[in-house]
PDB file of N, CA and C in Angstrom:
ATOM      1  N   MET A   1      16.383 -25.074   6.521  1.00  0.00           N
ATOM      2  CA  MET A   1      15.795 -23.756   5.785  1.00  0.00           C
ATOM      3  C   MET A   1      15.221 -24.662   4.780  1.00  0.00           C
ATOM      4  N   SER A   2      13.843 -23.472   4.928  1.00  0.00           N
ATOM      5  CA  SER A   2      13.251 -24.003   3.496  1.00  0.00           C
ATOM      6  C   SER A   2      12.923 -22.512   2.701  1.00  0.00           C
ATOM      7  N   LEU A   3      13.137 -22.045   1.469  1.00  0.00           N
ATOM      8  CA  LEU A   3      12.962 -21.164   0.696  1.00  0.00           C
ATOM      9  C   LEU A   3      11.609 -21.591   0.047  1.00  0.00           C
ATOM     10  N   GLN A   4      10.903 -20.480  -0.205  1.00  0.00           N
ATOM     11  CA  GLN A   4       9.676 -20.622  -0.919  1.00  0.00           C
ATOM     12  C   GLN A   4       9.860 -19.701  -1.973  1.00  0.00           C
ATOM     13  N   ASN A   5       9.153 -19.487  -3.107  1.00  0.00           N
ATOM     14  CA  ASN A   5       9.410 -18.687  -4.503  1.00  0.00           C
ATOM     15  C   ASN A   5       7.819 -18.990  -4.384  1.00  0.00           C
ATOM     16  N   TYR A   6       7.800 -17.434  -5.081  1.00  0.00           N
ATOM     17  CA  TYR A   6       5.994 -17.407  -5.608  1.00  0.00           C
ATOM     18  C   TYR A   6       5.933 -17.061  -6.928  1.00  0.00           C
ATOM     19  N   SER A   7       4.585 -16.934  -7.834  1.00  0.00           N
ATOM     20  CA  SER A   7       5.062 -16.301  -8.489  1.00  0.00           C
ATOM     21  C   SER A   7       4.156 -15.318  -9.192  1.00  0.00           C
ATOM     22  N   ILE A   8       4.044 -14.780  -9.960  1.00  0.00           N
ATOM     23  CA  ILE A   8       3.201 -13.090  -9.939  1.00  0.00           C
ATOM     24  C   ILE A   8       1.931 -12.910  -9.617  1.00  0.00           C
ATOM     25  N   ALA A   9       1.182 -13.924  -9.875  1.00  0.00           N
ATOM     26  CA  ALA A   9      -0.232 -13.796  -9.423  1.00  0.00           C
ATOM     27  C   ALA A   9       0.064 -14.428  -7.782  1.00  0.00           C
ATOM     28  N   GLN A  10       0.379 -15.620  -7.695  1.00  0.00           N
ATOM     29  CA  GLN A  10       0.276 -15.922  -5.953  1.00  0.00           C
ATOM     30  C   GLN A  10       1.136 -14.778  -5.340  1.00  0.00           C
ATOM     31  N   THR A  11       1.747 -13.847  -5.602  1.00  0.00           N
ATOM     32  CA  THR A  11       2.430 -12.580  -4.829  1.00  0.00           C
ATOM     33  C   THR A  11       1.302 -11.855  -5.237  1.00  0.00           C
ATOM     34  N   ALA A  12       0.851 -11.287  -5.868  1.00  0.00           N
ATOM     35  CA  ALA A  12      -0.603 -10.610  -6.174  1.00  0.00           C
ATOM     36  C   ALA A  12      -1.291 -10.385  -5.503  1.00  0.00           C
ATOM     37  N   GLU A  13      -1.577 -12.014  -4.898  1.00  0.00           N
ATOM     38  CA  GLU A  13      -2.504 -12.614  -3.621  1.00  0.00           C
ATOM     39  C   GLU A  13      -2.292 -11.874  -2.392  1.00  0.00           C
ATOM     40  N   ILE A  14      -1.048 -12.285  -2.189  1.00  0.00           N
ATOM     41  CA  ILE A  14      -0.399 -12.048  -0.725  1.00  0.00           C
ATOM     42  C   ILE A  14      -0.342 -10.319  -0.158  1.00  0.00           C
ATOM     43  N   LEU A  15      -0.051  -9.551  -1.621  1.00  0.00           N
ATOM     44  CA  LEU A  15       0.142  -7.821  -1.855  1.00  0.00           C
ATOM     45  C   LEU A  15      -1.101  -7.244  -1.852  1.00  0.00           C
ATOM     46  N   CYS A  16      -2.498  -8.339  -2.364  1.00  0.00           N
ATOM     47  CA  CYS A  16      -3.819  -7.668  -2.175  1.00  0.00           C
ATOM     48  C   CYS A  16      -3.355  -6.527  -3.466  1.00  0.00           C
ATOM     49  N   CYS A  17      -2.813  -7.091  -4.423  1.00  0.00           N
ATOM     50  CA  CYS A  17      -2.786  -5.909  -5.682  1.00  0.00           C
ATOM     51  C   CYS A  17      -2.702  -6.570  -7.031  1.00  0.00           C
ATOM     52  N   TYR A  18      -3.234  -5.936  -7.816  1.00  0.00           N
ATOM     53  CA  TYR A  18      -3.726  -6.804  -9.431  1.00  0.00           C
ATOM     54  C   TYR A  18      -2.082  -7.406 -10.399  1.00  0.00           C
ATOM     55  N   VAL A  19      -2.158  -8.322 -10.951  1.00  0.00           N
ATOM     56  CA  VAL A  19      -1.138  -8.770 -11.710  1.00  0.00           C
ATOM     57  C   VAL A  19      -0.795  -8.162 -12.470  1.00  0.00           C
ATOM     58  N   GLY A  20      -1.351  -7.360 -12.907  1.00  0.00           N
ATOM     59  CA  GLY A  20      -0.821  -6.350 -14.228  1.00  0.00           C
ATOM     60  C   GLY A  20       0.044  -4.732 -13.174  1.00  0.00           C
ATOM     61  N   PHE A  21       0.013  -4.863 -12.094  1.00  0.00           N
ATOM     62  CA  PHE A  21       0.629  -3.392 -11.047  1.00  0.00           C
ATOM     63  C   PHE A  21       2.127  -4.552 -11.111  1.00  0.00           C
ATOM     64  N   LEU A  22       2.151  -5.910 -10.982  1.00  0.00           N
ATOM     65  CA  LEU A  22       3.483  -5.996 -10.497  1.00  0.00           C
ATOM     66  C   LEU A  22       4.181  -6.638 -11.428  1.00  0.00           C
ATOM     67  N   GLU A  23       3.343  -6.805 -12.904  1.00  0.00           N
ATOM     68  CA  GLU A  23       3.875  -6.853 -14.261  1.00  0.00           C
ATOM     69  C   GLU A  23       4.781  -5.781 -14.763  1.00  0.00           C
ATOM     70  N   GLU A  24       4.106  -4.637 -14.550  1.00  0.00           N
ATOM     71  CA  GLU A  24       3.999  -3.079 -15.133  1.00  0.00           C
ATOM     72  C   GLU A  24       5.497  -2.300 -14.162  1.00  0.00           C
ATOM     73  N   ASN A  25       5.295  -2.980 -13.187  1.00  0.00           N
ATOM     74  CA  ASN A  25       6.681  -2.438 -12.271  1.00  0.00           C
ATOM     75  C   ASN A  25       7.809  -3.384 -12.056  1.00  0.00           C
ATOM     76  N   LEU A  26       7.898  -4.196 -12.675  1.00  0.00           N
ATOM     77  CA  LEU A  26       8.687  -5.278 -12.133  1.00  0.00           C
ATOM     78  C   LEU A  26      10.214  -4.380 -12.491  1.00  0.00           C
ATOM     79  N   ALA A  27      10.675  -3.812 -13.335  1.00  0.00           N
ATOM     80  CA  ALA A  27      11.365  -3.277 -13.703  1.00  0.00           C
ATOM     81  C   ALA A  27      11.839  -2.505 -12.400  1.00  0.00           C
ATOM     82  N   ASP A  28      10.975  -2.637 -11.368  1.00  0.00           N
ATOM     83  CA  ASP A  28      11.355  -1.033 -10.416  1.00  0.00           C
ATOM     84  C   ASP A  28      11.162  -2.163  -9.181  1.00  0.00           C
ATOM     85  N   LEU A  29      11.022  -3.249  -8.710  1.00  0.00           N
ATOM     86  CA  LEU A  29      10.583  -4.242  -7.864  1.00  0.00           C
ATOM     87  C   LEU A  29      11.784  -5.281  -7.493  1.00  0.00           C
ATOM     88  N   PRO A  30      11.899  -5.371  -6.577  1.00  0.00           N
ATOM     89  CA  PRO A  30      13.000  -6.718  -5.836  1.00  0.00           C
ATOM     90  C   PRO A  30      12.306  -8.212  -6.645  1.00  0.00           C
ATOM     91  N   HIS A  31      12.867  -8.919  -7.519  1.00  0.00           N
ATOM     92  CA  HIS A  31      12.276 -10.151  -7.973  1.00  0.00           C
ATOM     93  C   HIS A  31      13.671 -10.852  -8.143  1.00  0.00           C
ATOM     94  N   GLN A  32      13.459 -12.184  -9.077  1.00  0.00           N
ATOM     95  CA  GLN A  32      14.278 -13.479  -9.395  1.00  0.00           C
ATOM     96  C   GLN A  32      13.693 -13.446 -10.424  1.00  0.00           C
ATOM     97  N   LYS A  33      14.259 -13.284 -11.768  1.00  0.00           N
ATOM     98  CA  LYS A  33      14.421 -14.340 -12.740  1.00  0.00           C
ATOM     99  C   LYS A  33      15.137 -15.306 -13.115  1.00  0.00           C
ATOM    100  N   ILE A  34      14.402 -16.294 -13.324  1.00  0.00           N
ATOM    101  CA  ILE A  34      14.744 -17.735 -13.344  1.00  0.00           C
ATOM    102  C   ILE A  34      14.881 -17.820 -14.853  1.00  0.00           C
ATOM    103  N   GLY A  35      15.432 -17.516 -15.772  1.00  0.00           N
ATOM    104  CA  GLY A  35      15.418 -18.176 -17.330  1.00  0.00           C
ATOM    105  C   GLY A  35      14.104 -17.410 -16.924  1.00  0.00           C
ATOM    106  N   LYS A  36      13.266 -17.506 -18.366  1.00  0.00           N
ATOM    107  CA  LYS A  36      11.842 -16.758 -18.101  1.00  0.00           C
ATOM    108  C   LYS A  36      11.209 -16.308 -17.666  1.00  0.00           C
ATOM    109  N   ALA A  37      11.199 -16.904 -16.584  1.00  0.00           N
ATOM    110  CA  ALA A  37      10.705 -16.986 -15.256  1.00  0.00           C
ATOM    111  C   ALA A  37      10.561 -15.686 -13.941  1.00  0.00           C
ATOM    112  N   VAL A  38       9.252 -15.742 -13.750  1.00  0.00           N
ATOM    113  CA  VAL A  38       9.411 -14.542 -12.427  1.00  0.00           C
ATOM    114  C   VAL A  38       9.108 -14.898 -11.563  1.00  0.00           C
ATOM    115  N   ALA A  39       9.947 -14.766 -10.333  1.00  0.00           N
ATOM    116  CA  ALA A  39       9.607 -15.320  -9.147  1.00  0.00           C
ATOM    117  C   ALA A  39      10.334 -14.268  -8.000  1.00  0.00           C
ATOM    118  N   PHE A  40       9.163 -13.987  -6.660  1.00  0.00           N
ATOM    119  CA  PHE A  40       9.503 -13.772  -5.564  1.00  0.00           C
ATOM    120  C   PHE A  40       9.395 -14.687  -4.655  1.00  0.00           C
ATOM    121  N   ASP A  41      10.377 -13.893  -3.186  1.00  0.00           N
ATOM    122  CA  ASP A  41      10.442 -15.102  -2.248  1.00  0.00           C
ATOM    123  C   ASP A  41       9.800 -14.115  -1.234  1.00  0.00           C
ATOM    124  N   ASP A  42       9.744 -14.871  -0.153  1.00  0.00           N
ATOM    125  CA  ASP A  42       9.106 -13.722   0.934  1.00  0.00           C
ATOM    126  C   ASP A  42       9.900 -12.418   1.831  1.00  0.00           C
ATOM    127  N   GLU A  43      11.378 -12.447   1.539  1.00  0.00           N
ATOM    128  CA  GLU A  43      12.050 -11.538   1.774  1.00  0.00           C
ATOM    129  C   GLU A  43      12.075 -10.023   0.577  1.00  0.00           C
ATOM    130  N   GLU A  44      11.470 -10.415  -0.928  1.00  0.00           N
ATOM    131  CA  GLU A  44      10.961  -9.736  -1.744  1.00  0.00           C
ATOM    132  C   GLU A  44       9.953  -8.607  -1.728  1.00  0.00           C
ATOM    133  N   ILE A  45       9.237  -9.700  -1.161  1.00  0.00           N
ATOM    134  CA  ILE A  45       7.727  -9.362  -1.121  1.00  0.00           C
ATOM    135  C   ILE A  45       7.456  -8.139   0.070  1.00  0.00           C
ATOM    136  N   ALA A  46       8.310  -8.335   1.133  1.00  0.00           N
ATOM    137  CA  ALA A  46       8.547  -7.862   2.282  1.00  0.00           C
ATOM    138  C   ALA A  46       9.145  -6.343   2.018  1.00  0.00           C
ATOM    139  N   GLN A  47      10.041  -6.320   1.080  1.00  0.00           N
ATOM    140  CA  GLN A  47      10.414  -5.300   0.489  1.00  0.00           C
ATOM    141  C   GLN A  47       9.687  -4.332  -0.108  1.00  0.00           C
ATOM    142  N   ILE A  48       8.607  -5.304  -0.924  1.00  0.00           N
ATOM    143  CA  ILE A  48       7.780  -4.191  -1.564  1.00  0.00           C
ATOM    144  C   ILE A  48       7.207  -3.929  -0.554  1.00  0.00           C
ATOM    145  N   LYS A  49       6.308  -4.426  -0.097  1.00  0.00           N
ATOM    146  CA  LYS A  49       5.397  -3.731   1.152  1.00  0.00           C
ATOM    147  C   LYS A  49       6.396  -2.736   1.734  1.00  0.00           C
ATOM    148  N   GLU A  50       7.341  -2.352   2.243  1.00  0.00           N
ATOM    149  CA  GLU A  50       7.756  -1.889   2.677  1.00  0.00           C
ATOM    150  C   GLU A  50       7.921  -0.387   1.704  1.00  0.00           C
ATOM    151  N   MET A  51       8.213  -0.850   0.353  1.00  0.00           N
ATOM    152  CA  MET A  51       8.741   0.379  -0.763  1.00  0.00           C
ATOM    153  C   MET A  51       7.198   1.354  -0.413  1.00  0.00           C
ATOM    154  N   PHE A  52       6.001   0.667  -0.348  1.00  0.00           N
ATOM    155  CA  PHE A  52       5.037   1.410  -0.332  1.00  0.00           C
ATOM    156  C   PHE A  52       4.125   1.463   0.576  1.00  0.00           C
ATOM    157  N   ARG A  53       5.141   1.884   1.609  1.00  0.00           N
ATOM    158  CA  ARG A  53       4.530   1.849   3.087  1.00  0.00           C
ATOM    159  C   ARG A  53       4.280   3.134   2.987  1.00  0.00           C
ATOM    160  N   VAL A  54       2.837   3.462   3.586  1.00  0.00           N
ATOM    161  CA  VAL A  54       2.371   5.112   4.347  1.00  0.00           C
ATOM    162  C   VAL A  54       2.366   4.964   5.388  1.00  0.00           C
ATOM    163  N   ARG A  55       3.046   6.657   5.654  1.00  0.00           N
ATOM    164  CA  ARG A  55       3.165   6.709   7.277  1.00  0.00           C
ATOM    165  C   ARG A  55       2.421   8.301   7.208  1.00  0.00           C
ATOM    166  N   PRO A  56       2.241   7.848   8.838  1.00  0.00           N
ATOM    167  CA  PRO A  56       1.117   9.461   8.809  1.00  0.00           C
ATOM    168  C   PRO A  56       2.296  10.651   8.869  1.00  0.00           C
ATOM    169  N   ALA A  57       2.212  12.036   8.862  1.00  0.00           N
ATOM    170  CA  ALA A  57       2.849  13.214   8.702  1.00  0.00           C
ATOM    171  C   ALA A  57       3.490  12.896  10.628  1.00  0.00           C
ATOM    172  N   ALA A  58       4.688  13.492  10.882  1.00  0.00           N
ATOM    173  CA  ALA A  58       4.975  13.802  12.101  1.00  0.00           C
ATOM    174  C   ALA A  58       4.005  14.812  12.881  1.00  0.00           C
ATOM    175  N   PRO A  59       3.930  14.515  14.507  1.00  0.00           N
ATOM    176  CA  PRO A  59       3.047  15.281  15.421  1.00  0.00           C
ATOM    177  C   PRO A  59       3.623  16.873  14.985  1.00  0.00           C
ATOM    178  N   SER A  60       4.393  17.017  14.893  1.00  0.00           N
ATOM    179  CA  SER A  60       4.888  19.034  15.069  1.00  0.00           C
ATOM    180  C   SER A  60       4.812  19.322  13.315  1.00  0.00           C
ATOM    181  N   ALA A  61       4.424  18.688  12.124  1.00  0.00           N
ATOM    182  CA  ALA A  61       4.440  18.572  10.596  1.00  0.00           C
ATOM    183  C   ALA A  61       2.507  18.968  10.860  1.00  0.00           C
ATOM    184  N   ARG A  62       1.851  18.398  11.453  1.00  0.00           N
ATOM    185  CA  ARG A  62       0.623  18.302  11.630  1.00  0.00           C
ATOM    186  C   ARG A  62      -0.158  19.460  12.410  1.00  0.00           C
ATOM    187  N   ALA A  63       0.342  19.688  13.748  1.00  0.00           N
ATOM    188  CA  ALA A  63       0.571  20.966  14.171  1.00  0.00           C
ATOM    189  C   ALA A  63       0.411  22.388  12.999  1.00  0.00           C
ATOM    190  N   ALA A  64       1.845  22.057  12.192  1.00  0.00           N
ATOM    191  CA  ALA A  64       1.668  23.442  11.452  1.00  0.00           C
ATOM    192  C   ALA A  64       0.657  23.220   9.635  1.00  0.00           C
ATOM    193  N   SER A  65      -0.659  22.183  10.198  1.00  0.00           N
ATOM    194  CA  SER A  65      -1.027  22.083   9.415  1.00  0.00           C
ATOM    195  C   SER A  65      -2.192  22.085   9.693  1.00  0.00           C
ATOM    196  N   ALA A  66      -2.336  22.854  10.777  1.00  0.00           N
ATOM    197  CA  ALA A  66      -3.574  22.758  11.184  1.00  0.00           C
ATOM    198  C   ALA A  66      -4.805  23.511  11.106  1.00  0.00           C
ATOM    199  N   PRO A  67      -6.220  23.153  10.976  1.00  0.00           N
ATOM    200  CA  PRO A  67      -7.151  24.214  10.500  1.00  0.00           C
ATOM    201  C   PRO A  67      -7.151  25.386  11.514  1.00  0.00           C
ATOM    202  N   PRO A  68      -7.548  26.375  10.080  1.00  0.00           N
ATOM    203  CA  PRO A  68      -7.915  27.791  11.154  1.00  0.00           C
ATOM    204  C   PRO A  68      -8.651  27.802  12.001  1.00  0.00           C
ATOM    205  N   ALA A  69      -8.700  28.889  12.906  1.00  0.00           N
ATOM    206  CA  ALA A  69      -9.129  28.854  14.090  1.00  0.00           C
ATOM    207  C   ALA A  69     -10.772  29.269  13.640  1.00  0.00           C
ATOM    208  N   GLY A  70     -11.904  28.366  14.364  1.00  0.00           N
ATOM    209  CA  GLY A  70     -13.103  29.058  13.619  1.00  0.00           C
ATOM    210  C   GLY A  70     -13.222  27.850  12.857  1.00  0.00           C
ATOM    211  N   ALA A  71     -12.722  26.388  12.321  1.00  0.00           N
ATOM    212  CA  ALA A  71     -12.927  25.766  11.267  1.00  0.00           C
ATOM    213  C   ALA A  71     -13.511  24.659  11.796  1.00  0.00           C
ATOM    214  N   PRO A  72     -14.469  23.484  11.254  1.00  0.00           N
ATOM    215  CA  PRO A  72     -14.664  22.589  12.352  1.00  0.00           C
ATOM    216  C   PRO A  72     -13.988  21.946  12.452  1.00  0.00           C
ATOM    217  N   SER A  73     -14.140  21.134  13.972  1.00  0.00           N
ATOM    218  CA  SER A  73     -13.054  20.108  13.783  1.00  0.00           C
ATOM    219  C   SER A  73     -13.454  18.403  12.900  1.00  0.00           C
ATOM    220  N   ILE A  74     -12.576  18.003  13.188  1.00  0.00           N
ATOM    221  CA  ILE A  74     -13.471  16.563  12.174  1.00  0.00           C
ATOM    222  C   ILE A  74     -14.345  15.621  12.816  1.00  0.00           C
ATOM    223  N   THR A  75     -14.526  15.419  13.438  1.00  0.00           N
ATOM    224  CA  THR A  75     -15.905  15.397  14.636  1.00  0.00           C
ATOM    225  C   THR A  75     -16.961  15.978  14.153  1.00  0.00           C
ATOM    226  N   GLN A  76     -16.839  17.173  14.114  1.00  0.00           N
ATOM    227  CA  GLN A  76     -17.765  17.887  13.708  1.00  0.00           C
ATOM    228  C   GLN A  76     -18.386  17.862  12.293  1.00  0.00           C
ATOM    229  N   ILE A  77     -17.576  17.215  11.627  1.00  0.00           N
ATOM    230  CA  ILE A  77     -17.981  17.312  10.100  1.00  0.00           C
ATOM    231  C   ILE A  77     -18.809  15.674  10.077  1.00  0.00           C
ATOM    232  N   ARG A  78     -20.053  16.128   9.239  1.00  0.00           N
ATOM    233  CA  ARG A  78     -21.337  15.188   8.303  1.00  0.00           C
ATOM    234  C   ARG A  78     -21.194  15.102   7.138  1.00  0.00           C
ATOM    235  N   PRO A  79     -21.657  14.181   6.365  1.00  0.00           N
ATOM    236  CA  PRO A  79     -21.757  13.636   4.991  1.00  0.00           C
ATOM    237  C   PRO A  79     -23.132  14.624   4.784  1.00  0.00           C
ATOM    238  N   LYS A  80     -22.701  15.011   3.667  1.00  0.00           N
ATOM    239  CA  LYS A  80     -23.571  16.271   3.300  1.00  0.00           C
ATOM    240  C   LYS A  80     -25.022  14.757   2.613  1.00  0.00           C
ATOM    241  N   GLY A  81     -26.248  15.499   2.761  1.00  0.00           N
ATOM    242  CA  GLY A  81     -26.847  14.775   1.831  1.00  0.00           C
ATOM    243  C   GLY A  81     -28.080  13.742   2.006  1.00  0.00           C
ATOM    244  N   ALA A  82     -28.953  13.010   1.701  1.00  0.00           N
ATOM    245  CA  ALA A  82     -30.061  12.321   2.725  1.00  0.00           C
ATOM    246  C   ALA A  82     -29.278  11.248   3.280  1.00  0.00           C
ATOM    247  N   ARG A  83     -29.929  11.070   4.355  1.00  0.00           N
ATOM    248  CA  ARG A  83     -29.140   9.593   4.748  1.00  0.00           C
ATOM    249  C   ARG A  83     -30.083   8.316   5.171  1.00  0.00           C
ATOM    250  N   ARG A  84     -29.933   7.214   5.088  1.00  0.00           N
ATOM    251  CA  ARG A  84     -30.117   5.987   4.455  1.00  0.00           C
ATOM    252  C   ARG A  84     -31.196   5.731   6.082  1.00  0.00           C
ATOM    253  N   THR A  85     -32.161   5.330   6.669  1.00  0.00           N
ATOM    254  CA  THR A  85     -32.651   4.937   7.801  1.00  0.00           C
ATOM    255  C   THR A  85     -33.073   3.652   7.863  1.00  0.00           C
ATOM    256  N   GLY A  86     -32.516   3.009   8.543  1.00  0.00           N
ATOM    257  CA  GLY A  86     -33.085   1.298   9.389  1.00  0.00           C
ATOM    258  C   GLY A  86     -34.681   0.918   8.334  1.00  0.00           C
TER     259      GLY A  86
END
């Protein structure tokens, strides 16, 4: 069994976030404190990812918030302003 610990900088790179985010939210994130050093292992990183996972609303909730009749569908919406051409 191999155990891998990661520093704050390594964890930030794995999670694609800023080191400052981890430092500012450390009290609310699963981590290890070894002496004064902070470390994260694979399980803790997975737990952090799960804490911030965003899931779309359930289909019944989406139906309740459907656009009003006559509103354009998402496929009909186009960006405003000048468009660049090749």
